[in-house]
Amino acid sequence: MSAADYAEQAQSTNWPLRLALVGVVVLLIAWALWAMRRGWTNRAGRQADVPAPADAPPAGAVLGDPVPGLFAGTGTNGDWLDAIVVHDLGVRSRARLAYGTAGIWLERDGARGVFIPAESIVDVRADRGVAGTVRERDGMIVVTWRLGDRVLDTGFRADVGADHRTCLDGLVSTFAPGARR
């Protein structure tokens, strides 16, 4: 190759333009992250009236063996897209679900646990999803419950299919409206 060929190759890359485009892409990504964060904090501000749920079962509550799975989040009853973000209720996390006559205990990794008292439970059912998380038909255990003046749906999915069905059957037989003591 001659010196002229090397000079032509060196000019084929327009570094100022390339750096400007990289800068634009970085700014767009930063703006998108900022907008998502702002949306999350604005939603939390709109949900400031939601009281904090109990983060531990009451002393002496008898609960069964925990079932490992995924805490899918909590949303407003009937509106899958209205996630409740205050008090870590919108944080998807690994969890263990245990239940007994006192209520349902969701012990979560990396987020506050959630205890749903039996008297707050409105319904338990299998559904497609909750709080923006969608699974296959009947792939999510959805607990409908009252927290303050709001009616919420909380979703859980067991890791093992057999555990999922057993847990759902146990929850329905314990907490479904016709099964109450």
C-alpha atoms as a PDB file:
ATOM      1  CA  MET A   1       0.000   0.000   0.000  1.00  0.00           C
ATOM      2  CA  SER A   2       1.192   3.460  -0.771  1.00  0.00           C
ATOM      3  CA  ALA A   3       1.226   6.437   1.552  1.00  0.00           C
ATOM      4  CA  ALA A   4      -1.800   7.853  -0.291  1.00  0.00           C
ATOM      5  CA  ASP A   5      -3.815   4.707   0.552  1.00  0.00           C
ATOM      6  CA  TYR A   6      -2.991   5.114   4.248  1.00  0.00           C
ATOM      7  CA  ALA A   7      -4.025   8.775   4.137  1.00  0.00           C
ATOM      8  CA  GLU A   8      -7.320   7.825   2.490  1.00  0.00           C
ATOM      9  CA  GLN A   9      -7.993   5.184   5.163  1.00  0.00           C
ATOM     10  CA  ALA A  10      -7.260   7.608   7.982  1.00  0.00           C
ATOM     11  CA  GLN A  11      -9.799  10.066   6.591  1.00  0.00           C
ATOM     12  CA  SER A  12     -12.572   7.470   6.252  1.00  0.00           C
ATOM     13  CA  THR A  13     -13.423   7.721   9.968  1.00  0.00           C
ATOM     14  CA  ASN A  14     -14.972  11.020  11.001  1.00  0.00           C
ATOM     15  CA  TRP A  15     -14.095  11.009  14.715  1.00  0.00           C
ATOM     16  CA  PRO A  16     -15.850  14.257  15.690  1.00  0.00           C
ATOM     17  CA  LEU A  17     -19.114  13.021  14.186  1.00  0.00           C
ATOM     18  CA  ARG A  18     -18.726   9.577  15.774  1.00  0.00           C
ATOM     19  CA  LEU A  19     -18.045  11.098  19.227  1.00  0.00           C
ATOM     20  CA  ALA A  20     -21.021  13.443  18.841  1.00  0.00           C
ATOM     21  CA  LEU A  21     -23.318  10.499  18.022  1.00  0.00           C
ATOM     22  CA  VAL A  22     -22.024   8.504  20.995  1.00  0.00           C
ATOM     23  CA  GLY A  23     -22.654  11.548  23.193  1.00  0.00           C
ATOM     24  CA  VAL A  24     -26.225  11.853  21.882  1.00  0.00           C
ATOM     25  CA  VAL A  25     -26.912   8.170  22.598  1.00  0.00           C
ATOM     26  CA  VAL A  26     -25.484   8.475  26.131  1.00  0.00           C
ATOM     27  CA  LEU A  27     -27.651  11.552  26.761  1.00  0.00           C
ATOM     28  CA  LEU A  28     -30.767   9.748  25.491  1.00  0.00           C
ATOM     29  CA  ILE A  29     -30.108   6.802  27.781  1.00  0.00           C
ATOM     30  CA  ALA A  30     -29.507   9.118  30.758  1.00  0.00           C
ATOM     31  CA  TRP A  31     -32.709  11.021  29.972  1.00  0.00           C
ATOM     32  CA  ALA A  32     -34.737   7.790  29.753  1.00  0.00           C
ATOM     33  CA  LEU A  33     -33.383   6.581  33.109  1.00  0.00           C
ATOM     34  CA  TRP A  34     -34.116   9.974  34.699  1.00  0.00           C
ATOM     35  CA  ALA A  35     -37.681   9.923  33.294  1.00  0.00           C
ATOM     36  CA  MET A  36     -38.304   6.397  34.640  1.00  0.00           C
ATOM     37  CA  ARG A  37     -37.009   7.399  38.066  1.00  0.00           C
ATOM     38  CA  ARG A  38     -39.144  10.542  38.064  1.00  0.00           C
ATOM     39  CA  GLY A  39     -42.231   8.518  37.095  1.00  0.00           C
ATOM     40  CA  TRP A  40     -41.562   6.084  39.951  1.00  0.00           C
ATOM     41  CA  THR A  41     -41.164   8.879  42.529  1.00  0.00           C
ATOM     42  CA  ASN A  42     -44.255  10.719  41.215  1.00  0.00           C
ATOM     43  CA  ARG A  43     -46.282   7.509  41.537  1.00  0.00           C
ATOM     44  CA  ALA A  44     -44.985   7.063  45.085  1.00  0.00           C
ATOM     45  CA  GLY A  45     -46.087  10.620  45.870  1.00  0.00           C
ATOM     46  CA  ARG A  46     -49.589   9.919  44.543  1.00  0.00           C
ATOM     47  CA  GLN A  47     -49.727   6.803  46.729  1.00  0.00           C
ATOM     48  CA  ALA A  48     -48.624   8.519  49.943  1.00  0.00           C
ATOM     49  CA  ASP A  49     -52.029   7.739  51.489  1.00  0.00           C
ATOM     50  CA  VAL A  50     -51.401   3.970  51.329  1.00  0.00           C
ATOM     51  CA  PRO A  51     -50.607   2.769  54.856  1.00  0.00           C
ATOM     52  CA  ALA A  52     -47.635   0.495  55.462  1.00  0.00           C
ATOM     53  CA  PRO A  53     -48.560  -3.178  55.701  1.00  0.00           C
ATOM     54  CA  ALA A  54     -47.365  -5.266  58.609  1.00  0.00           C
ATOM     55  CA  ASP A  55     -43.824  -6.396  57.885  1.00  0.00           C
ATOM     56  CA  ALA A  56     -43.904  -9.438  60.164  1.00  0.00           C
ATOM     57  CA  PRO A  57     -46.546 -11.900  61.320  1.00  0.00           C
ATOM     58  CA  PRO A  58     -47.877 -11.386  64.850  1.00  0.00           C
ATOM     59  CA  ALA A  59     -46.113 -13.202  67.673  1.00  0.00           C
ATOM     60  CA  GLY A  60     -47.442 -16.717  68.082  1.00  0.00           C
ATOM     61  CA  ALA A  61     -48.945 -16.914  64.576  1.00  0.00           C
ATOM     62  CA  VAL A  62     -48.883 -20.508  63.362  1.00  0.00           C
ATOM     63  CA  LEU A  63     -47.842 -20.662  59.730  1.00  0.00           C
ATOM     64  CA  GLY A  64     -47.138 -23.642  57.513  1.00  0.00           C
ATOM     65  CA  ASP A  65     -43.941 -24.491  55.690  1.00  0.00           C
ATOM     66  CA  PRO A  66     -42.803 -21.680  53.376  1.00  0.00           C
ATOM     67  CA  VAL A  67     -43.046 -22.148  49.611  1.00  0.00           C
ATOM     68  CA  PRO A  68     -40.214 -20.509  47.616  1.00  0.00           C
ATOM     69  CA  GLY A  69     -41.131 -18.446  44.603  1.00  0.00           C
ATOM     70  CA  LEU A  70     -41.410 -14.998  43.064  1.00  0.00           C
ATOM     71  CA  PHE A  71     -43.207 -12.021  44.596  1.00  0.00           C
ATOM     72  CA  ALA A  72     -44.564 -10.398  41.430  1.00  0.00           C
ATOM     73  CA  GLY A  73     -45.698  -7.150  43.002  1.00  0.00           C
ATOM     74  CA  THR A  74     -48.851  -5.451  44.220  1.00  0.00           C
ATOM     75  CA  GLY A  75     -51.320  -3.453  42.173  1.00  0.00           C
ATOM     76  CA  THR A  76     -54.710  -1.863  42.525  1.00  0.00           C
ATOM     77  CA  ASN A  77     -57.471  -4.464  42.350  1.00  0.00           C
ATOM     78  CA  GLY A  78     -58.688  -4.832  38.795  1.00  0.00           C
ATOM     79  CA  ASP A  79     -55.947  -2.682  37.231  1.00  0.00           C
ATOM     80  CA  TRP A  80     -52.829  -4.707  36.358  1.00  0.00           C
ATOM     81  CA  LEU A  81     -50.921  -1.618  35.253  1.00  0.00           C
ATOM     82  CA  ASP A  82     -51.413   0.427  38.440  1.00  0.00           C
ATOM     83  CA  ALA A  83     -48.541  -0.906  40.525  1.00  0.00           C
ATOM     84  CA  ILE A  84     -48.341   0.123  44.175  1.00  0.00           C
ATOM     85  CA  VAL A  85     -44.760   1.318  44.646  1.00  0.00           C
ATOM     86  CA  VAL A  86     -44.787   2.631  48.235  1.00  0.00           C
ATOM     87  CA  HIS A  87     -43.491   0.471  51.105  1.00  0.00           C
ATOM     88  CA  ASP A  88     -41.589  -1.794  48.643  1.00  0.00           C
ATOM     89  CA  LEU A  89     -44.888  -3.302  47.434  1.00  0.00           C
ATOM     90  CA  GLY A  90     -43.922  -2.750  43.788  1.00  0.00           C
ATOM     91  CA  VAL A  91     -40.528  -4.423  44.065  1.00  0.00           C
ATOM     92  CA  ARG A  92     -40.346  -7.829  42.386  1.00  0.00           C
ATOM     93  CA  SER A  93     -38.246 -10.155  44.486  1.00  0.00           C
ATOM     94  CA  ARG A  94     -37.535 -13.705  45.451  1.00  0.00           C
ATOM     95  CA  ALA A  95     -39.836 -14.669  48.298  1.00  0.00           C
ATOM     96  CA  ARG A  96     -41.162 -17.421  50.491  1.00  0.00           C
ATOM     97  CA  LEU A  97     -44.908 -17.642  51.143  1.00  0.00           C
ATOM     98  CA  ALA A  98     -46.254 -19.175  54.335  1.00  0.00           C
ATOM     99  CA  TYR A  99     -49.847 -19.098  55.524  1.00  0.00           C
ATOM    100  CA  GLY A 100     -52.016 -20.092  58.439  1.00  0.00           C
ATOM    101  CA  THR A 101     -55.260 -19.022  60.052  1.00  0.00           C
ATOM    102  CA  ALA A 102     -53.652 -15.689  61.068  1.00  0.00           C
ATOM    103  CA  GLY A 103     -52.934 -14.710  57.451  1.00  0.00           C
ATOM    104  CA  ILE A 104     -50.335 -14.841  54.705  1.00  0.00           C
ATOM    105  CA  TRP A 105     -46.649 -14.055  55.261  1.00  0.00           C
ATOM    106  CA  LEU A 106     -44.421 -13.164  52.318  1.00  0.00           C
ATOM    107  CA  GLU A 107     -40.778 -13.078  53.401  1.00  0.00           C
ATOM    108  CA  ARG A 108     -38.842 -11.333  50.629  1.00  0.00           C
ATOM    109  CA  ASP A 109     -35.164 -11.125  49.706  1.00  0.00           C
ATOM    110  CA  GLY A 110     -33.915  -7.566  49.325  1.00  0.00           C
ATOM    111  CA  ALA A 111     -37.229  -5.937  50.293  1.00  0.00           C
ATOM    112  CA  ARG A 112     -39.502  -5.628  53.310  1.00  0.00           C
ATOM    113  CA  GLY A 113     -41.635  -8.623  54.130  1.00  0.00           C
ATOM    114  CA  VAL A 114     -45.408  -8.357  53.845  1.00  0.00           C
ATOM    115  CA  PHE A 115     -47.933  -9.853  56.259  1.00  0.00           C
ATOM    116  CA  ILE A 116     -51.544  -9.927  55.070  1.00  0.00           C
ATOM    117  CA  PRO A 117     -53.901 -10.494  58.030  1.00  0.00           C
ATOM    118  CA  ALA A 118     -56.694 -13.020  57.462  1.00  0.00           C
ATOM    119  CA  GLU A 119     -59.387 -10.410  58.148  1.00  0.00           C
ATOM    120  CA  SER A 120     -58.006  -8.233  55.308  1.00  0.00           C
ATOM    121  CA  ILE A 121     -58.145 -10.985  52.666  1.00  0.00           C
ATOM    122  CA  VAL A 122     -61.027 -10.572  50.223  1.00  0.00           C
ATOM    123  CA  ASP A 123     -60.242 -13.385  47.782  1.00  0.00           C
ATOM    124  CA  VAL A 124     -57.553 -15.783  46.560  1.00  0.00           C
ATOM    125  CA  ARG A 125     -57.488 -16.980  42.965  1.00  0.00           C
ATOM    126  CA  ALA A 126     -55.294 -18.114  40.099  1.00  0.00           C
ATOM    127  CA  ASP A 127     -54.898 -15.530  37.364  1.00  0.00           C
ATOM    128  CA  ARG A 128     -52.656 -14.506  34.462  1.00  0.00           C
ATOM    129  CA  GLY A 129     -50.823 -11.736  36.257  1.00  0.00           C
ATOM    130  CA  VAL A 130     -50.677  -8.727  38.513  1.00  0.00           C
ATOM    131  CA  ALA A 131     -48.910  -5.325  38.630  1.00  0.00           C
ATOM    132  CA  GLY A 132     -47.549  -5.409  35.088  1.00  0.00           C
ATOM    133  CA  THR A 133     -46.373  -9.033  35.303  1.00  0.00           C
ATOM    134  CA  VAL A 134     -48.143 -11.456  33.000  1.00  0.00           C
ATOM    135  CA  ARG A 135     -47.728 -15.242  32.990  1.00  0.00           C
ATOM    136  CA  GLU A 136     -49.536 -18.148  31.391  1.00  0.00           C
ATOM    137  CA  ARG A 137     -53.170 -18.840  32.235  1.00  0.00           C
ATOM    138  CA  ASP A 138     -53.566 -19.467  35.999  1.00  0.00           C
ATOM    139  CA  GLY A 139     -49.793 -19.083  36.419  1.00  0.00           C
ATOM    140  CA  MET A 140     -50.015 -16.551  39.252  1.00  0.00           C
ATOM    141  CA  ILE A 141     -51.535 -16.805  42.714  1.00  0.00           C
ATOM    142  CA  VAL A 142     -53.341 -13.498  43.270  1.00  0.00           C
ATOM    143  CA  VAL A 143     -54.399 -12.454  46.767  1.00  0.00           C
ATOM    144  CA  THR A 144     -56.975  -9.663  46.858  1.00  0.00           C
ATOM    145  CA  TRP A 145     -56.853  -7.797  50.165  1.00  0.00           C
ATOM    146  CA  ARG A 146     -57.656  -4.517  51.869  1.00  0.00           C
ATOM    147  CA  LEU A 147     -54.969  -2.117  53.026  1.00  0.00           C
ATOM    148  CA  GLY A 148     -56.532   0.991  54.510  1.00  0.00           C
ATOM    149  CA  ASP A 149     -59.160   2.224  52.041  1.00  0.00           C
ATOM    150  CA  ARG A 150     -57.620   0.447  49.070  1.00  0.00           C
ATOM    151  CA  VAL A 151     -58.291  -2.992  47.658  1.00  0.00           C
ATOM    152  CA  LEU A 152     -55.067  -4.494  46.313  1.00  0.00           C
ATOM    153  CA  ASP A 153     -53.961  -7.533  44.341  1.00  0.00           C
ATOM    154  CA  THR A 154     -50.666  -9.159  45.298  1.00  0.00           C
ATOM    155  CA  GLY A 155     -49.127 -11.790  43.031  1.00  0.00           C
ATOM    156  CA  PHE A 156     -46.965 -14.790  43.877  1.00  0.00           C
ATOM    157  CA  ARG A 157     -45.661 -17.617  41.723  1.00  0.00           C
ATOM    158  CA  ALA A 158     -44.133 -20.721  43.283  1.00  0.00           C
ATOM    159  CA  ASP A 159     -40.900 -22.066  41.808  1.00  0.00           C
ATOM    160  CA  VAL A 160     -42.181 -25.636  41.439  1.00  0.00           C
ATOM    161  CA  GLY A 161     -45.448 -26.344  39.618  1.00  0.00           C
ATOM    162  CA  ALA A 162     -46.647 -28.912  42.167  1.00  0.00           C
ATOM    163  CA  ASP A 163     -45.948 -26.485  45.033  1.00  0.00           C
ATOM    164  CA  HIS A 164     -47.807 -23.773  43.125  1.00  0.00           C
ATOM    165  CA  ARG A 165     -50.956 -25.895  42.832  1.00  0.00           C
ATOM    166  CA  THR A 166     -50.737 -27.140  46.448  1.00  0.00           C
ATOM    167  CA  CYS A 167     -50.199 -23.597  47.752  1.00  0.00           C
ATOM    168  CA  LEU A 168     -53.100 -22.238  45.678  1.00  0.00           C
ATOM    169  CA  ASP A 169     -55.440 -25.002  46.851  1.00  0.00           C
ATOM    170  CA  GLY A 170     -54.444 -24.428  50.488  1.00  0.00           C
ATOM    171  CA  LEU A 171     -54.896 -20.662  50.239  1.00  0.00           C
ATOM    172  CA  VAL A 172     -58.283 -20.977  48.556  1.00  0.00           C
ATOM    173  CA  SER A 173     -59.525 -23.515  51.099  1.00  0.00           C
ATOM    174  CA  THR A 174     -58.323 -21.298  53.963  1.00  0.00           C
ATOM    175  CA  PHE A 175     -59.173 -17.804  52.734  1.00  0.00           C
ATOM    176  CA  ALA A 176     -61.833 -17.993  50.013  1.00  0.00           C
ATOM    177  CA  PRO A 177     -65.015 -16.163  51.073  1.00  0.00           C
ATOM    178  CA  GLY A 178     -66.977 -19.413  51.581  1.00  0.00           C
ATOM    179  CA  ALA A 179     -64.144 -21.024  53.604  1.00  0.00           C
ATOM    180  CA  ARG A 180     -64.000 -18.416  56.346  1.00  0.00           C
ATOM    181  CA  ARG A 181     -64.586 -19.506  59.887  1.00  0.00           C
END
